[in-house]
PDB file of N, CA and C in Angstrom:
ATOM      1  N   MET A   1     -11.816  -9.692  -2.019  1.00  0.00           N
ATOM      2  CA  MET A   1     -10.505  -9.601  -2.592  1.00  0.00           C
ATOM      3  C   MET A   1      -9.484  -9.850  -1.485  1.00  0.00           C
ATOM      4  N   THR A   2      -8.865 -10.997  -1.516  1.00  0.00           N
ATOM      5  CA  THR A   2      -7.880 -11.383  -0.515  1.00  0.00           C
ATOM      6  C   THR A   2      -6.538 -11.581  -1.202  1.00  0.00           C
ATOM      7  N   ALA A   3      -5.529 -10.864  -0.758  1.00  0.00           N
ATOM      8  CA  ALA A   3      -4.197 -10.966  -1.338  1.00  0.00           C
ATOM      9  C   ALA A   3      -3.285 -11.761  -0.416  1.00  0.00           C
ATOM     10  N   THR A   4      -2.398 -12.532  -1.022  1.00  0.00           N
ATOM     11  CA  THR A   4      -1.390 -13.262  -0.257  1.00  0.00           C
ATOM     12  C   THR A   4      -0.234 -12.309   0.045  1.00  0.00           C
ATOM     13  N   LEU A   5       0.666 -12.737   0.916  1.00  0.00           N
ATOM     14  CA  LEU A   5       1.856 -11.946   1.230  1.00  0.00           C
ATOM     15  C   LEU A   5       2.682 -11.714  -0.036  1.00  0.00           C
ATOM     16  N   THR A   6       2.839 -12.738  -0.854  1.00  0.00           N
ATOM     17  CA  THR A   6       3.614 -12.620  -2.090  1.00  0.00           C
ATOM     18  C   THR A   6       2.972 -11.608  -3.042  1.00  0.00           C
ATOM     19  N   GLN A   7       1.655 -11.659  -3.178  1.00  0.00           N
ATOM     20  CA  GLN A   7       0.949 -10.725  -4.057  1.00  0.00           C
ATOM     21  C   GLN A   7       1.068  -9.293  -3.553  1.00  0.00           C
ATOM     22  N   ALA A   8       0.885  -9.100  -2.249  1.00  0.00           N
ATOM     23  CA  ALA A   8       0.978  -7.752  -1.674  1.00  0.00           C
ATOM     24  C   ALA A   8       2.402  -7.210  -1.803  1.00  0.00           C
ATOM     25  N   SER A   9       3.388  -8.051  -1.582  1.00  0.00           N
ATOM     26  CA  SER A   9       4.785  -7.622  -1.712  1.00  0.00           C
ATOM     27  C   SER A   9       5.101  -7.244  -3.154  1.00  0.00           C
ATOM     28  N   SER A  10       4.591  -8.012  -4.084  1.00  0.00           N
ATOM     29  CA  SER A  10       4.799  -7.724  -5.500  1.00  0.00           C
ATOM     30  C   SER A  10       4.107  -6.418  -5.892  1.00  0.00           C
ATOM     31  N   ALA A  11       2.888  -6.205  -5.400  1.00  0.00           N
ATOM     32  CA  ALA A  11       2.164  -4.959  -5.687  1.00  0.00           C
ATOM     33  C   ALA A  11       2.919  -3.764  -5.119  1.00  0.00           C
ATOM     34  N   ARG A  12       3.465  -3.919  -3.925  1.00  0.00           N
ATOM     35  CA  ARG A  12       4.251  -2.837  -3.322  1.00  0.00           C
ATOM     36  C   ARG A  12       5.451  -2.517  -4.204  1.00  0.00           C
ATOM     37  N   ALA A  13       6.168  -3.539  -4.639  1.00  0.00           N
ATOM     38  CA  ALA A  13       7.347  -3.330  -5.481  1.00  0.00           C
ATOM     39  C   ALA A  13       6.969  -2.665  -6.807  1.00  0.00           C
ATOM     40  N   GLN A  14       5.861  -3.092  -7.402  1.00  0.00           N
ATOM     41  CA  GLN A  14       5.435  -2.554  -8.696  1.00  0.00           C
ATOM     42  C   GLN A  14       4.940  -1.115  -8.600  1.00  0.00           C
ATOM     43  N   HIS A  15       4.376  -0.708  -7.465  1.00  0.00           N
ATOM     44  CA  HIS A  15       3.729   0.599  -7.350  1.00  0.00           C
ATOM     45  C   HIS A  15       4.437   1.583  -6.416  1.00  0.00           C
ATOM     46  N   ALA A  16       5.514   1.182  -5.755  1.00  0.00           N
ATOM     47  CA  ALA A  16       6.160   2.032  -4.745  1.00  0.00           C
ATOM     48  C   ALA A  16       6.604   3.381  -5.299  1.00  0.00           C
ATOM     49  N   ASP A  17       7.239   3.389  -6.459  1.00  0.00           N
ATOM     50  CA  ASP A  17       7.724   4.662  -7.011  1.00  0.00           C
ATOM     51  C   ASP A  17       6.569   5.616  -7.311  1.00  0.00           C
ATOM     52  N   ASP A  18       5.497   5.085  -7.871  1.00  0.00           N
ATOM     53  CA  ASP A  18       4.338   5.913  -8.195  1.00  0.00           C
ATOM     54  C   ASP A  18       3.684   6.455  -6.924  1.00  0.00           C
ATOM     55  N   LEU A  19       3.542   5.612  -5.896  1.00  0.00           N
ATOM     56  CA  LEU A  19       2.954   6.070  -4.632  1.00  0.00           C
ATOM     57  C   LEU A  19       3.819   7.149  -3.988  1.00  0.00           C
ATOM     58  N   ALA A  20       5.135   6.982  -4.070  1.00  0.00           N
ATOM     59  CA  ALA A  20       6.042   7.988  -3.511  1.00  0.00           C
ATOM     60  C   ALA A  20       5.916   9.312  -4.266  1.00  0.00           C
ATOM     61  N   ARG A  21       5.808   9.248  -5.590  1.00  0.00           N
ATOM     62  CA  ARG A  21       5.628  10.475  -6.382  1.00  0.00           C
ATOM     63  C   ARG A  21       4.327  11.187  -6.016  1.00  0.00           C
ATOM     64  N   GLN A  22       3.342  10.415  -5.595  1.00  0.00           N
ATOM     65  CA  GLN A  22       2.054  11.005  -5.224  1.00  0.00           C
ATOM     66  C   GLN A  22       2.028  11.510  -3.785  1.00  0.00           C
ATOM     67  N   GLY A  23       3.095  11.251  -3.010  1.00  0.00           N
ATOM     68  CA  GLY A  23       3.176  11.812  -1.669  1.00  0.00           C
ATOM     69  C   GLY A  23       3.313  10.842  -0.512  1.00  0.00           C
ATOM     70  N   ALA A  24       3.331   9.546  -0.760  1.00  0.00           N
ATOM     71  CA  ALA A  24       3.535   8.584   0.339  1.00  0.00           C
ATOM     72  C   ALA A  24       5.007   8.636   0.754  1.00  0.00           C
ATOM     73  N   HIS A  25       5.276   8.765   2.043  1.00  0.00           N
ATOM     74  CA  HIS A  25       6.659   8.833   2.503  1.00  0.00           C
ATOM     75  C   HIS A  25       7.179   7.482   2.987  1.00  0.00           C
ATOM     76  N   ALA A  26       6.298   6.516   3.147  1.00  0.00           N
ATOM     77  CA  ALA A  26       6.701   5.148   3.492  1.00  0.00           C
ATOM     78  C   ALA A  26       5.613   4.209   2.971  1.00  0.00           C
ATOM     79  N   ILE A  27       6.040   3.029   2.532  1.00  0.00           N
ATOM     80  CA  ILE A  27       5.101   2.061   1.968  1.00  0.00           C
ATOM     81  C   ILE A  27       5.484   0.690   2.491  1.00  0.00           C
ATOM     82  N   GLY A  28       4.510   0.000   3.078  1.00  0.00           N
ATOM     83  CA  GLY A  28       4.782  -1.312   3.647  1.00  0.00           C
ATOM     84  C   GLY A  28       3.726  -2.326   3.284  1.00  0.00           C
ATOM     85  N   VAL A  29       3.954  -3.538   3.738  1.00  0.00           N
ATOM     86  CA  VAL A  29       3.006  -4.636   3.561  1.00  0.00           C
ATOM     87  C   VAL A  29       2.678  -5.163   4.949  1.00  0.00           C
ATOM     88  N   GLU A  30       1.398  -5.258   5.252  1.00  0.00           N
ATOM     89  CA  GLU A  30       0.971  -5.707   6.578  1.00  0.00           C
ATOM     90  C   GLU A  30      -0.236  -6.623   6.463  1.00  0.00           C
ATOM     91  N   LYS A  31      -0.487  -7.378   7.535  1.00  0.00           N
ATOM     92  CA  LYS A  31      -1.697  -8.193   7.578  1.00  0.00           C
ATOM     93  C   LYS A  31      -2.907  -7.278   7.580  1.00  0.00           C
ATOM     94  N   GLY A  32      -3.909  -7.625   6.809  1.00  0.00           N
ATOM     95  CA  GLY A  32      -5.080  -6.780   6.656  1.00  0.00           C
ATOM     96  C   GLY A  32      -6.004  -6.736   7.844  1.00  0.00           C
ATOM     97  N   ASP A  33      -5.938  -7.739   8.739  1.00  0.00           N
ATOM     98  CA  ASP A  33      -6.899  -7.782   9.844  1.00  0.00           C
ATOM     99  C   ASP A  33      -6.814  -6.560  10.750  1.00  0.00           C
ATOM    100  N   SER A  34      -5.658  -5.909  10.827  1.00  0.00           N
ATOM    101  CA  SER A  34      -5.521  -4.682  11.624  1.00  0.00           C
ATOM    102  C   SER A  34      -6.313  -3.530  11.020  1.00  0.00           C
ATOM    103  N   TYR A  35      -6.675  -3.685   9.741  1.00  0.00           N
ATOM    104  CA  TYR A  35      -7.379  -2.631   9.017  1.00  0.00           C
ATOM    105  C   TYR A  35      -8.773  -3.070   8.579  1.00  0.00           C
ATOM    106  N   GLY A  36      -9.252  -4.176   9.151  1.00  0.00           N
ATOM    107  CA  GLY A  36     -10.581  -4.664   8.809  1.00  0.00           C
ATOM    108  C   GLY A  36     -10.654  -5.343   7.453  1.00  0.00           C
ATOM    109  N   LYS A  37      -9.509  -5.833   6.959  1.00  0.00           N
ATOM    110  CA  LYS A  37      -9.461  -6.487   5.664  1.00  0.00           C
ATOM    111  C   LYS A  37      -8.882  -7.886   5.814  1.00  0.00           C
ATOM    112  N   LYS A  38      -9.232  -8.764   4.892  1.00  0.00           N
ATOM    113  CA  LYS A  38      -8.699 -10.126   4.911  1.00  0.00           C
ATOM    114  C   LYS A  38      -7.400 -10.184   4.122  1.00  0.00           C
ATOM    115  N   GLY A  39      -6.558 -11.140   4.452  1.00  0.00           N
ATOM    116  CA  GLY A  39      -5.308 -11.325   3.718  1.00  0.00           C
ATOM    117  C   GLY A  39      -4.305 -10.234   4.045  1.00  0.00           C
ATOM    118  N   TRP A  40      -3.521  -9.870   3.042  1.00  0.00           N
ATOM    119  CA  TRP A  40      -2.456  -8.885   3.196  1.00  0.00           C
ATOM    120  C   TRP A  40      -2.796  -7.620   2.419  1.00  0.00           C
ATOM    121  N   VAL A  41      -2.289  -6.487   2.886  1.00  0.00           N
ATOM    122  CA  VAL A  41      -2.553  -5.196   2.251  1.00  0.00           C
ATOM    123  C   VAL A  41      -1.242  -4.427   2.091  1.00  0.00           C
ATOM    124  N   VAL A  42      -1.248  -3.474   1.180  1.00  0.00           N
ATOM    125  CA  VAL A  42      -0.157  -2.506   1.072  1.00  0.00           C
ATOM    126  C   VAL A  42      -0.608  -1.281   1.864  1.00  0.00           C
ATOM    127  N   VAL A  43       0.286  -0.751   2.691  1.00  0.00           N
ATOM    128  CA  VAL A  43      -0.028   0.417   3.511  1.00  0.00           C
ATOM    129  C   VAL A  43       0.851   1.589   3.055  1.00  0.00           C
ATOM    130  N   ALA A  44       0.209   2.689   2.690  1.00  0.00           N
ATOM    131  CA  ALA A  44       0.922   3.908   2.304  1.00  0.00           C
ATOM    132  C   ALA A  44       0.795   4.905   3.450  1.00  0.00           C
ATOM    133  N   TYR A  45       1.932   5.342   3.967  1.00  0.00           N
ATOM    134  CA  TYR A  45       1.948   6.323   5.050  1.00  0.00           C
ATOM    135  C   TYR A  45       2.114   7.709   4.439  1.00  0.00           C
ATOM    136  N   VAL A  46       1.190   8.613   4.796  1.00  0.00           N
ATOM    137  CA  VAL A  46       1.197   9.959   4.226  1.00  0.00           C
ATOM    138  C   VAL A  46       1.156  10.990   5.347  1.00  0.00           C
ATOM    139  N   ASP A  47       1.694  12.157   5.057  1.00  0.00           N
ATOM    140  CA  ASP A  47       1.695  13.270   6.003  1.00  0.00           C
ATOM    141  C   ASP A  47       0.249  13.651   6.318  1.00  0.00           C
ATOM    142  N   PRO A  48      -0.096  13.772   7.604  1.00  0.00           N
ATOM    143  CA  PRO A  48      -1.477  14.111   7.977  1.00  0.00           C
ATOM    144  C   PRO A  48      -1.963  15.442   7.393  1.00  0.00           C
ATOM    145  N   ALA A  49      -1.043  16.353   7.099  1.00  0.00           N
ATOM    146  CA  ALA A  49      -1.429  17.657   6.573  1.00  0.00           C
ATOM    147  C   ALA A  49      -1.786  17.608   5.087  1.00  0.00           C
ATOM    148  N   LYS A  50      -1.442  16.510   4.423  1.00  0.00           N
ATOM    149  CA  LYS A  50      -1.688  16.408   2.982  1.00  0.00           C
ATOM    150  C   LYS A  50      -2.976  15.643   2.699  1.00  0.00           C
ATOM    151  N   GLN A  51      -3.689  16.093   1.702  1.00  0.00           N
ATOM    152  CA  GLN A  51      -4.878  15.400   1.226  1.00  0.00           C
ATOM    153  C   GLN A  51      -4.524  14.752  -0.115  1.00  0.00           C
ATOM    154  N   LEU A  52      -4.331  13.452  -0.106  1.00  0.00           N
ATOM    155  CA  LEU A  52      -3.944  12.739  -1.321  1.00  0.00           C
ATOM    156  C   LEU A  52      -5.094  11.889  -1.825  1.00  0.00           C
ATOM    157  N   LYS A  53      -5.182  11.757  -3.129  1.00  0.00           N
ATOM    158  CA  LYS A  53      -6.164  10.862  -3.742  1.00  0.00           C
ATOM    159  C   LYS A  53      -5.402   9.650  -4.262  1.00  0.00           C
ATOM    160  N   LEU A  54      -5.425   8.599  -3.480  1.00  0.00           N
ATOM    161  CA  LEU A  54      -4.758   7.353  -3.863  1.00  0.00           C
ATOM    162  C   LEU A  54      -5.828   6.296  -4.126  1.00  0.00           C
ATOM    163  N   PRO A  55      -5.523   5.316  -4.961  1.00  0.00           N
ATOM    164  CA  PRO A  55      -6.520   4.288  -5.280  1.00  0.00           C
ATOM    165  C   PRO A  55      -6.811   3.386  -4.082  1.00  0.00           C
ATOM    166  N   ALA A  56      -7.954   2.733  -4.100  1.00  0.00           N
ATOM    167  CA  ALA A  56      -8.328   1.803  -3.031  1.00  0.00           C
ATOM    168  C   ALA A  56      -7.619   0.462  -3.184  1.00  0.00           C
ATOM    169  N   THR A  57      -7.196   0.161  -4.413  1.00  0.00           N
ATOM    170  CA  THR A  57      -6.484  -1.090  -4.684  1.00  0.00           C
ATOM    171  C   THR A  57      -5.329  -0.824  -5.630  1.00  0.00           C
ATOM    172  N   LEU A  58      -4.372  -1.743  -5.628  1.00  0.00           N
ATOM    173  CA  LEU A  58      -3.258  -1.704  -6.560  1.00  0.00           C
ATOM    174  C   LEU A  58      -3.358  -2.922  -7.469  1.00  0.00           C
ATOM    175  N   ALA A  59      -3.543  -2.688  -8.751  1.00  0.00           N
ATOM    176  CA  ALA A  59      -3.650  -3.783  -9.707  1.00  0.00           C
ATOM    177  C   ALA A  59      -2.257  -4.314 -10.018  1.00  0.00           C
ATOM    178  N   MET A  60      -2.143  -5.623 -10.058  1.00  0.00           N
ATOM    179  CA  MET A  60      -0.865  -6.237 -10.400  1.00  0.00           C
ATOM    180  C   MET A  60      -1.106  -7.618 -10.986  1.00  0.00           C
ATOM    181  N   THR A  61      -0.097  -8.137 -11.657  1.00  0.00           N
ATOM    182  CA  THR A  61      -0.165  -9.476 -12.224  1.00  0.00           C
ATOM    183  C   THR A  61       1.026 -10.269 -11.712  1.00  0.00           C
ATOM    184  N   LEU A  62       0.752 -11.463 -11.228  1.00  0.00           N
ATOM    185  CA  LEU A  62       1.801 -12.346 -10.727  1.00  0.00           C
ATOM    186  C   LEU A  62       1.541 -13.726 -11.285  1.00  0.00           C
ATOM    187  N   LYS A  63       2.517 -14.241 -12.030  1.00  0.00           N
ATOM    188  CA  LYS A  63       2.402 -15.561 -12.653  1.00  0.00           C
ATOM    189  C   LYS A  63       1.144 -15.670 -13.517  1.00  0.00           C
ATOM    190  N   GLY A  64       0.861 -14.603 -14.260  1.00  0.00           N
ATOM    191  CA  GLY A  64      -0.267 -14.602 -15.179  1.00  0.00           C
ATOM    192  C   GLY A  64      -1.624 -14.384 -14.544  1.00  0.00           C
ATOM    193  N   LYS A  65      -1.661 -14.173 -13.229  1.00  0.00           N
ATOM    194  CA  LYS A  65      -2.932 -13.971 -12.538  1.00  0.00           C
ATOM    195  C   LYS A  65      -3.056 -12.511 -12.112  1.00  0.00           C
ATOM    196  N   ALA A  66      -4.132 -11.861 -12.556  1.00  0.00           N
ATOM    197  CA  ALA A  66      -4.376 -10.472 -12.179  1.00  0.00           C
ATOM    198  C   ALA A  66      -5.004 -10.417 -10.791  1.00  0.00           C
ATOM    199  N   VAL A  67      -4.498  -9.520  -9.965  1.00  0.00           N
ATOM    200  CA  VAL A  67      -4.982  -9.383  -8.590  1.00  0.00           C
ATOM    201  C   VAL A  67      -5.068  -7.898  -8.249  1.00  0.00           C
ATOM    202  N   ASP A  68      -6.122  -7.514  -7.539  1.00  0.00           N
ATOM    203  CA  ASP A  68      -6.238  -6.168  -6.987  1.00  0.00           C
ATOM    204  C   ASP A  68      -5.934  -6.259  -5.495  1.00  0.00           C
ATOM    205  N   VAL A  69      -4.803  -5.708  -5.102  1.00  0.00           N
ATOM    206  CA  VAL A  69      -4.370  -5.745  -3.706  1.00  0.00           C
ATOM    207  C   VAL A  69      -4.893  -4.497  -3.004  1.00  0.00           C
ATOM    208  N   PRO A  70      -5.553  -4.646  -1.848  1.00  0.00           N
ATOM    209  CA  PRO A  70      -6.053  -3.476  -1.121  1.00  0.00           C
ATOM    210  C   PRO A  70      -4.923  -2.528  -0.713  1.00  0.00           C
ATOM    211  N   LEU A  71      -5.185  -1.224  -0.851  1.00  0.00           N
ATOM    212  CA  LEU A  71      -4.258  -0.193  -0.410  1.00  0.00           C
ATOM    213  C   LEU A  71      -4.893   0.546   0.755  1.00  0.00           C
ATOM    214  N   VAL A  72      -4.189   0.607   1.869  1.00  0.00           N
ATOM    215  CA  VAL A  72      -4.656   1.301   3.069  1.00  0.00           C
ATOM    216  C   VAL A  72      -3.820   2.562   3.228  1.00  0.00           C
ATOM    217  N   ILE A  73      -4.480   3.671   3.531  1.00  0.00           N
ATOM    218  CA  ILE A  73      -3.795   4.946   3.747  1.00  0.00           C
ATOM    219  C   ILE A  73      -3.725   5.203   5.251  1.00  0.00           C
ATOM    220  N   GLU A  74      -2.519   5.411   5.746  1.00  0.00           N
ATOM    221  CA  GLU A  74      -2.296   5.734   7.154  1.00  0.00           C
ATOM    222  C   GLU A  74      -1.701   7.136   7.239  1.00  0.00           C
ATOM    223  N   LYS A  75      -2.299   7.982   8.056  1.00  0.00           N
ATOM    224  CA  LYS A  75      -1.772   9.326   8.280  1.00  0.00           C
ATOM    225  C   LYS A  75      -0.696   9.248   9.358  1.00  0.00           C
ATOM    226  N   ALA A  76       0.507   9.661   9.010  1.00  0.00           N
ATOM    227  CA  ALA A  76       1.625   9.644   9.958  1.00  0.00           C
ATOM    228  C   ALA A  76       2.667  10.647   9.503  1.00  0.00           C
ATOM    229  N   ALA A  77       3.245  11.350  10.441  1.00  0.00           N
ATOM    230  CA  ALA A  77       4.289  12.318  10.115  1.00  0.00           C
ATOM    231  C   ALA A  77       5.521  11.576   9.611  1.00  0.00           C
ATOM    232  N   PRO A  78       6.220  12.144   8.636  1.00  0.00           N
ATOM    233  CA  PRO A  78       7.442  11.510   8.153  1.00  0.00           C
ATOM    234  C   PRO A  78       8.491  11.421   9.259  1.00  0.00           C
ATOM    235  N   PHE A  79       9.297  10.393   9.202  1.00  0.00           N
ATOM    236  CA  PHE A  79      10.376  10.195  10.158  1.00  0.00           C
ATOM    237  C   PHE A  79      11.424  11.279   9.963  1.00  0.00           C
ATOM    238  N   GLU A  80      11.853  11.861  11.069  1.00  0.00           N
ATOM    239  CA  GLU A  80      12.915  12.857  10.993  1.00  0.00           C
ATOM    240  C   GLU A  80      14.058  12.415  11.876  1.00  0.00           C
ATOM    241  N   PRO A  81      15.241  12.194  11.272  1.00  0.00           N
ATOM    242  CA  PRO A  81      16.398  11.742  12.058  1.00  0.00           C
ATOM    243  C   PRO A  81      16.777  12.763  13.120  1.00  0.00           C
ATOM    244  N   GLN A  82      17.245  12.275  14.229  1.00  0.00           N
ATOM    245  CA  GLN A  82      17.648  13.150  15.344  1.00  0.00           C
ATOM    246  C   GLN A  82      19.027  13.701  15.126  1.00  0.00           C
TER     247      GLN A  82
END
């Protein structure tokens, strides 16, 4: 399952609110090779103290084509302004 930048960006836009409600404090799109995946992935950043059950992929449709975009979970403390 290899997602393009456009597909991953669309999946992020379609699922960002739901991921945030589930506890992700930041959501981005990055190249998958940093995470051992091909193509592009959506990355959800979550507080290390929280145990969240998030899906391994985000289902989305773009131009009539269904795609499962990989979702990577990164443990990171939320940003706190100084």
